[in-house]
N, C-alpha and C. Protein backbone atom coordinates (compact mmCIF):
# COMPACT_ATOMS: atom_id res chain seq x y z
N MET A 1 -155.77 21.56 -170.98
CA MET A 1 -155.65 20.82 -169.73
C MET A 1 -154.68 19.66 -169.94
N PRO A 2 -153.64 19.53 -169.08
CA PRO A 2 -152.68 18.47 -169.26
C PRO A 2 -153.32 17.11 -168.99
N ARG A 3 -152.93 16.15 -169.80
CA ARG A 3 -153.42 14.79 -169.63
C ARG A 3 -152.77 14.13 -168.44
N LYS A 4 -153.57 13.45 -167.66
CA LYS A 4 -153.02 12.77 -166.49
C LYS A 4 -152.30 11.50 -166.94
N ARG A 5 -151.06 11.43 -166.57
CA ARG A 5 -150.25 10.28 -166.90
C ARG A 5 -150.55 9.15 -165.93
N LYS A 6 -150.68 7.93 -166.43
CA LYS A 6 -150.95 6.80 -165.56
C LYS A 6 -149.68 6.49 -164.77
N GLN A 7 -149.86 6.48 -163.46
CA GLN A 7 -148.72 6.27 -162.58
C GLN A 7 -148.54 4.79 -162.30
N SER A 8 -147.30 4.31 -162.36
CA SER A 8 -147.04 2.91 -162.08
C SER A 8 -147.04 2.69 -160.57
N LYS A 9 -147.21 1.44 -160.18
CA LYS A 9 -147.24 1.07 -158.77
C LYS A 9 -145.83 1.21 -158.18
N PRO A 10 -145.71 1.78 -156.97
CA PRO A 10 -144.38 1.93 -156.35
C PRO A 10 -143.74 0.57 -156.07
N ILE A 11 -142.42 0.55 -156.10
CA ILE A 11 -141.65 -0.66 -155.83
C ILE A 11 -141.69 -0.95 -154.33
N THR A 12 -141.77 -2.22 -153.95
CA THR A 12 -141.76 -2.61 -152.54
C THR A 12 -140.85 -3.80 -152.32
N GLY A 13 -140.63 -4.15 -151.07
CA GLY A 13 -139.89 -5.36 -150.70
C GLY A 13 -138.42 -5.34 -151.10
N LYS A 14 -137.93 -6.52 -151.44
CA LYS A 14 -136.51 -6.69 -151.79
C LYS A 14 -136.15 -5.89 -153.04
N ASP A 15 -137.11 -5.74 -153.94
CA ASP A 15 -136.86 -4.94 -155.15
C ASP A 15 -136.58 -3.49 -154.79
N LEU A 16 -137.30 -2.98 -153.78
CA LEU A 16 -137.09 -1.60 -153.34
C LEU A 16 -135.70 -1.43 -152.76
N VAL A 17 -135.29 -2.34 -151.90
CA VAL A 17 -133.96 -2.26 -151.29
C VAL A 17 -132.88 -2.30 -152.36
N ALA A 18 -133.02 -3.20 -153.32
CA ALA A 18 -132.03 -3.32 -154.40
C ALA A 18 -131.97 -2.04 -155.23
N LYS A 19 -133.12 -1.47 -155.54
CA LYS A 19 -133.18 -0.24 -156.34
C LYS A 19 -132.53 0.92 -155.60
N VAL A 20 -132.80 1.05 -154.30
CA VAL A 20 -132.21 2.14 -153.50
C VAL A 20 -130.69 2.01 -153.48
N LYS A 21 -130.19 0.78 -153.32
CA LYS A 21 -128.74 0.57 -153.33
C LYS A 21 -128.16 0.91 -154.70
N GLN A 22 -128.88 0.59 -155.74
CA GLN A 22 -128.44 0.86 -157.11
C GLN A 22 -128.37 2.37 -157.37
N LEU A 23 -129.29 3.13 -156.78
CA LEU A 23 -129.35 4.57 -157.04
C LEU A 23 -128.24 5.36 -156.34
N GLY A 24 -127.59 4.75 -155.37
CA GLY A 24 -126.40 5.30 -154.77
C GLY A 24 -126.46 6.70 -154.21
N ASP A 25 -125.86 7.67 -154.91
CA ASP A 25 -125.63 9.01 -154.39
C ASP A 25 -126.80 9.97 -154.58
N LEU A 26 -127.94 9.53 -155.05
CA LEU A 26 -129.08 10.44 -155.22
C LEU A 26 -129.63 10.85 -153.86
N THR A 27 -130.37 11.95 -153.82
CA THR A 27 -131.01 12.37 -152.57
C THR A 27 -132.17 11.45 -152.25
N ARG A 28 -132.69 11.56 -151.02
CA ARG A 28 -133.84 10.74 -150.63
C ARG A 28 -135.03 11.00 -151.54
N GLU A 29 -135.26 12.26 -151.85
CA GLU A 29 -136.40 12.62 -152.69
C GLU A 29 -136.26 12.03 -154.10
N GLU A 30 -135.04 12.10 -154.65
CA GLU A 30 -134.80 11.55 -155.99
C GLU A 30 -134.97 10.02 -155.99
N LYS A 31 -134.50 9.37 -154.93
CA LYS A 31 -134.66 7.92 -154.82
C LYS A 31 -136.13 7.56 -154.71
N ALA A 32 -136.88 8.31 -153.89
CA ALA A 32 -138.31 8.04 -153.72
C ALA A 32 -139.03 8.17 -155.05
N LYS A 33 -138.73 9.22 -155.80
CA LYS A 33 -139.39 9.44 -157.09
C LYS A 33 -139.02 8.33 -158.07
N ALA A 34 -137.75 7.94 -158.10
CA ALA A 34 -137.31 6.89 -159.01
C ALA A 34 -137.95 5.53 -158.69
N CYS A 35 -138.35 5.34 -157.43
CA CYS A 35 -138.98 4.09 -157.02
C CYS A 35 -140.50 4.15 -157.11
N GLY A 36 -141.04 5.26 -157.61
CA GLY A 36 -142.48 5.37 -157.84
C GLY A 36 -143.26 6.01 -156.72
N TYR A 37 -142.60 6.61 -155.75
CA TYR A 37 -143.27 7.24 -154.61
C TYR A 37 -143.47 8.72 -154.88
N TYR A 38 -144.37 9.02 -155.79
CA TYR A 38 -144.73 10.40 -156.09
C TYR A 38 -146.12 10.40 -156.71
N SER A 39 -146.73 11.57 -156.71
CA SER A 39 -148.04 11.73 -157.36
C SER A 39 -148.00 13.00 -158.19
N THR A 40 -148.88 13.08 -159.16
CA THR A 40 -148.97 14.25 -160.02
C THR A 40 -150.35 14.87 -159.82
N ASP A 41 -150.39 16.15 -159.47
CA ASP A 41 -151.69 16.79 -159.26
C ASP A 41 -152.29 17.24 -160.59
N LYS A 42 -153.46 17.84 -160.52
CA LYS A 42 -154.19 18.19 -161.75
C LYS A 42 -153.48 19.28 -162.55
N ASP A 43 -152.59 20.03 -161.93
CA ASP A 43 -151.82 21.06 -162.64
C ASP A 43 -150.52 20.52 -163.21
N GLY A 44 -150.25 19.23 -163.02
CA GLY A 44 -149.04 18.63 -163.56
C GLY A 44 -147.84 18.70 -162.64
N LEU A 45 -148.03 19.22 -161.42
CA LEU A 45 -146.92 19.28 -160.46
C LEU A 45 -146.75 17.92 -159.79
N GLU A 46 -145.49 17.50 -159.66
CA GLU A 46 -145.20 16.23 -159.02
C GLU A 46 -144.89 16.45 -157.54
N ARG A 47 -145.45 15.58 -156.73
CA ARG A 47 -145.25 15.66 -155.28
C ARG A 47 -144.64 14.34 -154.82
N VAL A 48 -143.49 14.40 -154.17
CA VAL A 48 -142.79 13.20 -153.71
C VAL A 48 -143.42 12.74 -152.40
N LYS A 49 -143.73 11.46 -152.33
CA LYS A 49 -144.31 10.86 -151.13
C LYS A 49 -143.18 10.25 -150.30
N LEU A 50 -142.44 11.11 -149.63
CA LEU A 50 -141.24 10.69 -148.92
C LEU A 50 -141.56 9.77 -147.73
N MET A 51 -142.60 10.10 -146.96
CA MET A 51 -142.93 9.25 -145.81
C MET A 51 -143.35 7.85 -146.25
N ALA A 52 -144.13 7.76 -147.31
CA ALA A 52 -144.54 6.46 -147.81
C ALA A 52 -143.32 5.66 -148.27
N PHE A 53 -142.37 6.34 -148.92
CA PHE A 53 -141.14 5.71 -149.38
C PHE A 53 -140.32 5.19 -148.20
N LEU A 54 -140.12 6.03 -147.18
CA LEU A 54 -139.32 5.64 -146.02
C LEU A 54 -139.99 4.49 -145.26
N ASN A 55 -141.32 4.55 -145.12
CA ASN A 55 -142.03 3.47 -144.44
C ASN A 55 -141.92 2.16 -145.22
N ALA A 56 -142.02 2.23 -146.54
CA ALA A 56 -141.88 1.03 -147.37
C ALA A 56 -140.47 0.46 -147.25
N LEU A 57 -139.49 1.35 -147.16
CA LEU A 57 -138.10 0.91 -147.02
C LEU A 57 -137.88 0.24 -145.66
N LEU A 58 -138.45 0.80 -144.61
CA LEU A 58 -138.35 0.18 -143.28
C LEU A 58 -139.03 -1.19 -143.28
N ASP A 59 -140.20 -1.29 -143.90
CA ASP A 59 -140.91 -2.57 -143.99
C ASP A 59 -140.08 -3.59 -144.76
N ALA A 60 -139.46 -3.15 -145.84
CA ALA A 60 -138.66 -4.05 -146.67
C ALA A 60 -137.45 -4.58 -145.91
N GLU A 61 -136.91 -3.75 -145.01
CA GLU A 61 -135.76 -4.16 -144.21
C GLU A 61 -136.18 -4.94 -142.97
N GLY A 62 -137.50 -5.03 -142.73
CA GLY A 62 -137.98 -5.77 -141.56
C GLY A 62 -137.91 -4.99 -140.27
N ILE A 63 -137.86 -3.67 -140.36
CA ILE A 63 -137.78 -2.82 -139.17
C ILE A 63 -139.17 -2.33 -138.82
N ASN A 64 -139.61 -2.59 -137.58
CA ASN A 64 -140.93 -2.18 -137.14
C ASN A 64 -140.78 -1.14 -136.04
N LEU A 65 -141.24 0.08 -136.28
CA LEU A 65 -141.13 1.15 -135.30
C LEU A 65 -142.39 1.33 -134.46
N ASP A 66 -143.42 0.55 -134.73
CA ASP A 66 -144.66 0.67 -133.98
C ASP A 66 -144.49 0.13 -132.57
N ASN A 67 -145.16 0.78 -131.61
CA ASN A 67 -145.10 0.32 -130.22
C ASN A 67 -145.86 -0.98 -130.03
N HIS A 68 -146.85 -1.24 -130.86
CA HIS A 68 -147.67 -2.42 -130.70
C HIS A 68 -147.24 -3.54 -131.64
N SER A 69 -145.93 -3.80 -131.65
CA SER A 69 -145.41 -4.87 -132.51
C SER A 69 -145.83 -6.22 -131.94
N SER A 70 -145.87 -7.22 -132.81
CA SER A 70 -146.27 -8.55 -132.34
C SER A 70 -145.17 -9.10 -131.45
N SER A 71 -145.55 -9.55 -130.28
CA SER A 71 -144.56 -10.00 -129.31
C SER A 71 -144.60 -11.49 -129.05
N GLY A 72 -145.58 -12.18 -129.60
CA GLY A 72 -145.62 -13.61 -129.43
C GLY A 72 -146.43 -14.06 -128.23
N ASN A 73 -146.62 -13.19 -127.21
CA ASN A 73 -147.38 -13.63 -126.06
C ASN A 73 -148.85 -13.23 -126.15
N GLY A 74 -149.24 -12.52 -127.18
CA GLY A 74 -150.63 -12.27 -127.45
C GLY A 74 -151.27 -11.13 -126.70
N ASN A 75 -150.64 -10.60 -125.65
CA ASN A 75 -151.30 -9.55 -124.90
C ASN A 75 -150.73 -8.16 -125.18
N GLY A 76 -149.81 -8.05 -126.11
CA GLY A 76 -149.29 -6.75 -126.50
C GLY A 76 -148.28 -6.16 -125.54
N ARG A 77 -147.85 -6.92 -124.57
CA ARG A 77 -146.87 -6.40 -123.61
C ARG A 77 -145.57 -7.18 -123.75
N GLY A 78 -144.90 -6.98 -124.88
CA GLY A 78 -143.70 -7.76 -125.17
C GLY A 78 -142.46 -7.27 -124.48
N GLY A 79 -142.45 -6.02 -124.01
CA GLY A 79 -141.26 -5.49 -123.37
C GLY A 79 -140.18 -5.20 -124.39
N ARG A 80 -138.98 -5.04 -123.90
CA ARG A 80 -137.86 -4.74 -124.78
C ARG A 80 -137.34 -5.99 -125.45
N LYS A 81 -136.76 -5.80 -126.60
CA LYS A 81 -136.11 -6.91 -127.29
C LYS A 81 -134.63 -6.90 -126.93
N ALA A 82 -134.02 -8.06 -126.96
CA ALA A 82 -132.61 -8.17 -126.60
C ALA A 82 -131.75 -7.43 -127.62
N SER A 83 -130.87 -6.55 -127.13
CA SER A 83 -129.98 -5.81 -128.03
C SER A 83 -128.59 -6.43 -128.08
N TYR A 84 -128.34 -7.38 -127.18
CA TYR A 84 -127.05 -8.05 -127.06
C TYR A 84 -125.94 -7.07 -126.69
N ARG A 85 -126.32 -6.04 -125.95
CA ARG A 85 -125.36 -5.09 -125.38
C ARG A 85 -125.85 -4.73 -124.00
N VAL A 86 -124.96 -4.70 -123.04
CA VAL A 86 -125.29 -4.26 -121.69
C VAL A 86 -124.22 -3.30 -121.24
N SER A 87 -124.52 -2.52 -120.22
CA SER A 87 -123.51 -1.63 -119.66
C SER A 87 -123.44 -1.84 -118.16
N VAL A 88 -122.30 -1.54 -117.60
CA VAL A 88 -122.09 -1.69 -116.16
C VAL A 88 -122.86 -0.59 -115.44
N GLN A 89 -123.59 -0.97 -114.41
CA GLN A 89 -124.35 0.01 -113.64
C GLN A 89 -123.44 0.78 -112.72
N SER A 90 -123.96 1.86 -112.14
CA SER A 90 -123.14 2.74 -111.29
C SER A 90 -122.61 2.01 -110.05
N ASN A 91 -123.29 0.95 -109.62
CA ASN A 91 -122.82 0.20 -108.45
C ASN A 91 -121.85 -0.92 -108.83
N GLY A 92 -121.48 -1.02 -110.11
CA GLY A 92 -120.53 -2.01 -110.56
C GLY A 92 -121.15 -3.32 -111.03
N ASN A 93 -122.46 -3.44 -110.90
CA ASN A 93 -123.13 -4.67 -111.32
C ASN A 93 -123.32 -4.70 -112.83
N LEU A 94 -123.31 -5.90 -113.35
CA LEU A 94 -123.60 -6.13 -114.76
C LEU A 94 -124.91 -6.91 -114.80
N LEU A 95 -125.97 -6.29 -115.28
CA LEU A 95 -127.30 -6.87 -115.23
C LEU A 95 -127.69 -7.42 -116.58
N LEU A 96 -128.09 -8.70 -116.60
CA LEU A 96 -128.62 -9.31 -117.81
C LEU A 96 -130.14 -9.32 -117.67
N GLY A 97 -130.83 -8.79 -118.63
CA GLY A 97 -132.27 -8.66 -118.54
C GLY A 97 -133.02 -9.94 -118.85
N SER A 98 -134.34 -9.87 -118.66
CA SER A 98 -135.20 -11.04 -118.84
C SER A 98 -135.27 -11.49 -120.30
N ALA A 99 -135.00 -10.59 -121.24
CA ALA A 99 -135.02 -10.99 -122.65
C ALA A 99 -133.98 -12.07 -122.90
N TYR A 100 -132.83 -11.98 -122.23
CA TYR A 100 -131.78 -12.97 -122.41
C TYR A 100 -132.11 -14.27 -121.68
N THR A 101 -132.62 -14.15 -120.47
CA THR A 101 -132.93 -15.35 -119.71
C THR A 101 -134.08 -16.13 -120.35
N LYS A 102 -135.04 -15.43 -120.94
CA LYS A 102 -136.12 -16.12 -121.64
C LYS A 102 -135.59 -16.85 -122.87
N GLU A 103 -134.69 -16.20 -123.60
CA GLU A 103 -134.14 -16.80 -124.80
C GLU A 103 -133.32 -18.04 -124.48
N LEU A 104 -132.65 -18.02 -123.33
CA LEU A 104 -131.81 -19.15 -122.93
C LEU A 104 -132.58 -20.17 -122.10
N ASP A 105 -133.85 -19.91 -121.83
CA ASP A 105 -134.68 -20.79 -121.00
C ASP A 105 -134.05 -20.99 -119.63
N VAL A 106 -133.60 -19.88 -119.04
CA VAL A 106 -133.01 -19.90 -117.71
C VAL A 106 -134.10 -19.67 -116.69
N LYS A 107 -134.03 -20.42 -115.59
CA LYS A 107 -135.05 -20.31 -114.55
C LYS A 107 -134.42 -19.84 -113.24
N PRO A 108 -135.21 -19.25 -112.36
CA PRO A 108 -134.68 -18.81 -111.05
C PRO A 108 -134.01 -19.98 -110.33
N GLY A 109 -132.84 -19.74 -109.79
CA GLY A 109 -132.09 -20.78 -109.08
C GLY A 109 -131.05 -21.47 -109.93
N ASP A 110 -131.10 -21.32 -111.26
CA ASP A 110 -130.07 -21.92 -112.11
C ASP A 110 -128.72 -21.30 -111.76
N GLU A 111 -127.68 -22.12 -111.73
CA GLU A 111 -126.35 -21.64 -111.38
C GLU A 111 -125.44 -21.67 -112.60
N PHE A 112 -124.51 -20.70 -112.62
CA PHE A 112 -123.57 -20.57 -113.72
C PHE A 112 -122.16 -20.45 -113.19
N GLU A 113 -121.23 -20.97 -113.95
CA GLU A 113 -119.81 -20.79 -113.67
C GLU A 113 -119.34 -19.66 -114.57
N ILE A 114 -118.65 -18.68 -114.01
CA ILE A 114 -118.18 -17.52 -114.77
C ILE A 114 -116.72 -17.73 -115.12
N SER A 115 -116.39 -17.61 -116.40
CA SER A 115 -114.99 -17.64 -116.81
C SER A 115 -114.69 -16.36 -117.56
N LEU A 116 -113.61 -15.71 -117.16
CA LEU A 116 -113.23 -14.42 -117.73
C LEU A 116 -112.14 -14.61 -118.77
N GLY A 117 -112.34 -13.98 -119.91
CA GLY A 117 -111.33 -13.95 -120.96
C GLY A 117 -110.73 -12.56 -121.01
N ARG A 118 -109.93 -12.30 -122.01
CA ARG A 118 -109.30 -11.00 -122.12
C ARG A 118 -110.32 -9.90 -122.39
N LYS A 119 -111.27 -10.17 -123.27
CA LYS A 119 -112.29 -9.17 -123.60
C LYS A 119 -113.69 -9.76 -123.58
N HIS A 120 -113.89 -10.83 -122.84
CA HIS A 120 -115.21 -11.44 -122.83
C HIS A 120 -115.48 -12.14 -121.51
N ILE A 121 -116.75 -12.41 -121.28
CA ILE A 121 -117.19 -13.15 -120.11
C ILE A 121 -118.03 -14.32 -120.60
N HIS A 122 -117.72 -15.51 -120.14
CA HIS A 122 -118.52 -16.69 -120.50
C HIS A 122 -119.32 -17.13 -119.28
N LEU A 123 -120.58 -17.43 -119.49
CA LEU A 123 -121.42 -18.01 -118.45
C LEU A 123 -121.70 -19.44 -118.86
N ASN A 124 -121.24 -20.39 -118.07
CA ASN A 124 -121.46 -21.80 -118.36
C ASN A 124 -122.40 -22.35 -117.30
N LYS A 125 -123.54 -22.87 -117.75
CA LYS A 125 -124.53 -23.40 -116.82
C LYS A 125 -123.98 -24.63 -116.10
N VAL A 126 -124.11 -24.62 -114.76
CA VAL A 126 -123.66 -25.75 -113.96
C VAL A 126 -124.71 -26.84 -114.08
N ALA A 127 -124.27 -28.05 -114.32
CA ALA A 127 -125.19 -29.17 -114.49
C ALA A 127 -126.01 -29.36 -113.22
N GLU A 128 -127.31 -29.60 -113.42
CA GLU A 128 -128.20 -29.82 -112.29
C GLU A 128 -127.94 -31.19 -111.69
N PRO A 129 -127.98 -31.30 -110.35
CA PRO A 129 -127.76 -32.61 -109.73
C PRO A 129 -128.88 -33.57 -110.08
N SER A 130 -128.52 -34.84 -110.33
CA SER A 130 -129.52 -35.83 -110.72
C SER A 130 -130.19 -36.47 -109.54
């Protein structure tokens, strides 16, 4: 009967990201195994834990794919996060969503002066009357 080899703890966090970058051209499975994401069964066969590896890598990069991510308002209804990209709608309007207005602390009725550049649009808030 083969002796069970003691498995080391898988790499996580910044160390994981650095190791993956260091491994370069290896396949995902080879990278996962090199970072400790595998198990050995009683027959001595090694099984790569690819999903655990990919999830640990996403966590290390700060990427959260869960729908119930923390949104700061406590009720779990955070909506979309600002992507800093918008597209022109079919009617020609350019819509800025509430994620941007919340970040800028813009309120209904605030006025802006629009200045057009060659490849950009600037919105400058008009000073409120005193």
